[in-house]
Amino acid sequence: MMHTYLQKKIENIKTTLGEMSGGYRRMVAAMADLGFSGTMKAIWDDLFAHRSFAQWIYLLVLGSFPLWLELVYEHRIVDWIGMICSLTGIICVIFVSEGRASNYLFGLINSVIYLILALQKGFYGEVLTTLYFTVMQPIGLLVWIYQAQFKKEKQEFVARKLDGKGWTK
């Protein structure tokens, strides 16, 4: 029974890899059809378009915290790398919450910087975790774009907010 289960899983993985490979080729072809300016416009739109005033304020306020903390506690920027790591992590999480594919770019920058910092300090548990995140960022982007472009199934999720009681649990 376990043997049959493993065979099915292996077949599913092979099928998925084949679909992803074909999807990657179609994505490259779609980018070629858009041309450089069309591709840049798509990237620009993902980064900046369709964001409300409140979302801009949220992004700017939370994004300013690393800079603010450096300036308040040290009165100058002591650790540029750490500040950039914090900022890219904050932007990544905000972009994930907004459903933007560009979160993977900021996530990759964040995880590479944090990987280097963790290696330098000898935090090997963090190194292993962050290594996984670093590898998964480009894979996640490919899956995200592939699903959005070539799998025309309706996908929806429900974002939920915590009330005061939920935050204290």
Protein backbone atom coordinates (compact mmCIF):
# COMPACT_ATOMS: atom_id res chain seq x y z
CA MET A 1 0.00 0.00 0.00
CA MET A 2 2.82 2.41 0.88
CA HIS A 3 4.54 1.53 -2.39
CA THR A 4 1.43 2.51 -4.40
CA TYR A 5 1.13 5.74 -2.43
CA LEU A 6 4.75 6.66 -3.18
CA GLN A 7 4.32 5.83 -6.87
CA LYS A 8 1.30 8.15 -7.07
CA LYS A 9 3.21 10.92 -5.33
CA ILE A 10 6.19 10.50 -7.66
CA GLU A 11 3.88 10.60 -10.69
CA ASN A 12 2.22 13.76 -9.37
CA ILE A 13 5.62 15.39 -8.91
CA LYS A 14 6.69 14.43 -12.44
CA THR A 15 3.45 15.79 -13.88
CA THR A 16 3.79 19.04 -11.96
CA LEU A 17 7.42 19.49 -13.02
CA GLY A 18 6.45 18.90 -16.64
CA GLU A 19 3.64 21.45 -16.40
CA MET A 20 5.94 23.95 -14.71
CA SER A 21 8.58 23.50 -17.38
CA GLY A 22 6.01 24.13 -20.09
CA GLY A 23 4.61 27.04 -18.10
CA TYR A 24 8.07 28.58 -17.78
CA ARG A 25 8.52 28.41 -21.56
CA ARG A 26 5.10 30.03 -22.06
CA MET A 27 5.97 32.76 -19.55
CA VAL A 28 9.18 33.56 -21.40
CA ALA A 29 7.23 33.64 -24.67
CA ALA A 30 4.61 35.94 -23.11
CA MET A 31 7.36 38.29 -21.91
CA ALA A 32 8.84 38.27 -25.41
CA ASP A 33 5.40 39.16 -26.80
CA LEU A 34 5.08 42.04 -24.33
CA GLY A 35 8.55 43.28 -25.20
CA PHE A 36 10.85 45.07 -22.82
CA SER A 37 8.60 48.08 -22.25
CA GLY A 38 5.52 45.90 -21.72
CA THR A 39 7.38 43.73 -19.24
CA MET A 40 8.65 46.80 -17.39
CA LYS A 41 5.09 48.20 -17.31
CA ALA A 42 3.81 44.93 -15.82
CA ILE A 43 6.51 45.08 -13.15
CA TRP A 44 5.78 48.76 -12.47
CA ASP A 45 2.05 48.02 -12.15
CA ASP A 46 2.69 45.20 -9.69
CA LEU A 47 4.89 47.43 -7.56
CA PHE A 48 2.87 50.65 -7.59
CA ALA A 49 -0.57 50.36 -9.21
CA HIS A 50 -3.92 49.61 -7.59
CA ARG A 51 -2.91 50.64 -4.10
CA SER A 52 -5.25 52.80 -2.04
CA PHE A 53 -4.17 55.88 -0.13
CA ALA A 54 -4.47 53.92 3.13
CA GLN A 55 -2.23 51.17 1.72
CA TRP A 56 0.38 53.77 0.74
CA ILE A 57 0.30 55.26 4.24
CA TYR A 58 0.56 51.78 5.78
CA LEU A 59 3.55 50.93 3.57
CA LEU A 60 5.32 54.23 4.23
CA VAL A 61 4.75 54.21 7.99
CA LEU A 62 5.84 50.60 8.52
CA GLY A 63 8.65 50.94 6.00
CA SER A 64 10.04 53.95 7.83
CA PHE A 65 10.44 52.09 11.15
CA PRO A 66 13.93 50.65 10.45
CA LEU A 67 15.24 54.10 9.46
CA TRP A 68 13.47 55.75 12.40
CA LEU A 69 14.88 53.24 14.89
CA GLU A 70 18.42 53.71 13.58
CA LEU A 71 18.17 57.49 13.79
CA VAL A 72 16.47 57.61 17.21
CA TYR A 73 18.73 55.15 19.00
CA GLU A 74 22.04 55.86 17.31
CA HIS A 75 21.41 59.35 15.85
CA ARG A 76 22.93 58.05 12.63
CA ILE A 77 22.67 54.95 10.49
CA VAL A 78 25.12 52.43 11.92
CA ASP A 79 24.01 49.26 10.19
CA TRP A 80 22.93 49.92 6.60
CA ILE A 81 22.78 46.23 5.76
CA GLY A 82 20.58 45.38 8.74
CA MET A 83 18.32 48.33 7.95
CA ILE A 84 17.94 47.24 4.31
CA CYS A 85 17.24 43.68 5.50
CA SER A 86 14.51 44.95 7.83
CA LEU A 87 13.00 47.20 5.18
CA THR A 88 12.87 44.50 2.50
CA GLY A 89 11.31 42.07 4.99
CA ILE A 90 8.61 44.59 5.90
CA ILE A 91 7.88 45.37 2.25
CA CYS A 92 7.77 41.66 1.41
CA VAL A 93 5.17 40.94 4.10
CA ILE A 94 3.04 43.94 3.09
CA PHE A 95 3.17 42.90 -0.58
CA VAL A 96 2.20 39.34 0.36
CA SER A 97 -0.83 40.70 2.21
CA GLU A 98 -1.76 42.70 -0.91
CA GLY A 99 -1.33 39.69 -3.21
CA ARG A 100 1.50 41.20 -5.27
CA ALA A 101 3.95 38.94 -7.09
CA SER A 102 6.73 41.47 -6.45
CA ASN A 103 6.79 40.24 -2.84
CA TYR A 104 9.14 37.52 -4.07
CA LEU A 105 11.74 40.06 -5.19
CA PHE A 106 11.78 41.73 -1.78
CA GLY A 107 11.66 38.34 -0.07
CA LEU A 108 14.69 37.18 -2.05
CA ILE A 109 16.68 40.32 -1.21
CA ASN A 110 15.69 39.97 2.45
CA SER A 111 16.55 36.29 2.71
CA VAL A 112 19.93 36.65 0.94
CA ILE A 113 20.96 39.52 3.21
CA TYR A 114 19.73 37.72 6.32
CA LEU A 115 21.47 34.52 5.20
CA ILE A 116 24.79 36.38 5.00
CA LEU A 117 24.24 38.07 8.38
CA ALA A 118 23.28 34.77 10.06
CA LEU A 119 26.36 33.06 8.59
CA GLN A 120 28.61 35.84 9.87
CA LYS A 121 27.19 35.54 13.38
CA GLY A 122 27.18 31.72 13.40
CA PHE A 123 23.41 31.35 13.77
CA TYR A 124 23.33 28.03 11.95
CA GLY A 125 19.68 27.22 12.69
CA GLU A 126 18.75 30.56 11.13
CA VAL A 127 21.09 29.81 8.23
CA LEU A 128 19.25 26.57 7.43
CA THR A 129 15.81 28.17 7.69
CA THR A 130 16.83 31.18 5.62
CA LEU A 131 18.54 28.97 3.04
CA TYR A 132 15.19 27.27 2.49
CA PHE A 133 13.43 30.64 2.12
CA THR A 134 16.11 31.85 -0.30
CA VAL A 135 15.71 28.81 -2.54
CA MET A 136 11.91 28.99 -2.41
CA GLN A 137 11.60 32.66 -3.43
CA PRO A 138 12.25 32.15 -7.19
CA ILE A 139 10.28 28.89 -7.15
CA GLY A 140 7.36 30.65 -5.49
CA LEU A 141 7.47 33.42 -8.09
CA LEU A 142 7.42 30.92 -10.94
CA VAL A 143 4.49 29.04 -9.42
CA TRP A 144 2.63 32.30 -8.72
CA ILE A 145 3.03 33.62 -12.26
CA TYR A 146 2.32 30.23 -13.81
CA GLN A 147 -0.88 29.83 -11.81
CA ALA A 148 -2.00 33.37 -12.59
CA GLN A 149 -1.30 33.14 -16.32
CA PHE A 150 -1.99 29.58 -17.34
CA LYS A 151 -4.27 27.96 -14.80
CA LYS A 152 -7.58 29.65 -15.40
CA GLU A 153 -9.26 28.13 -12.37
CA LYS A 154 -11.02 30.50 -10.05
CA GLN A 155 -8.86 31.00 -7.01
CA GLU A 156 -9.94 32.99 -4.05
CA PHE A 157 -8.98 33.35 -0.47
CA VAL A 158 -10.57 35.14 2.40
CA ALA A 159 -8.40 37.58 4.30
CA ARG A 160 -9.43 37.73 7.91
CA LYS A 161 -8.77 40.35 10.53
CA LEU A 162 -8.25 39.71 14.21
CA ASP A 163 -10.32 41.56 16.74
CA GLY A 164 -8.93 42.59 20.12
CA LYS A 165 -9.73 39.20 21.63
CA GLY A 166 -8.03 37.39 18.72
CA TRP A 167 -4.78 39.29 19.28
CA THR A 168 -4.62 38.20 22.90
CA LYS A 169 -5.04 34.47 22.27
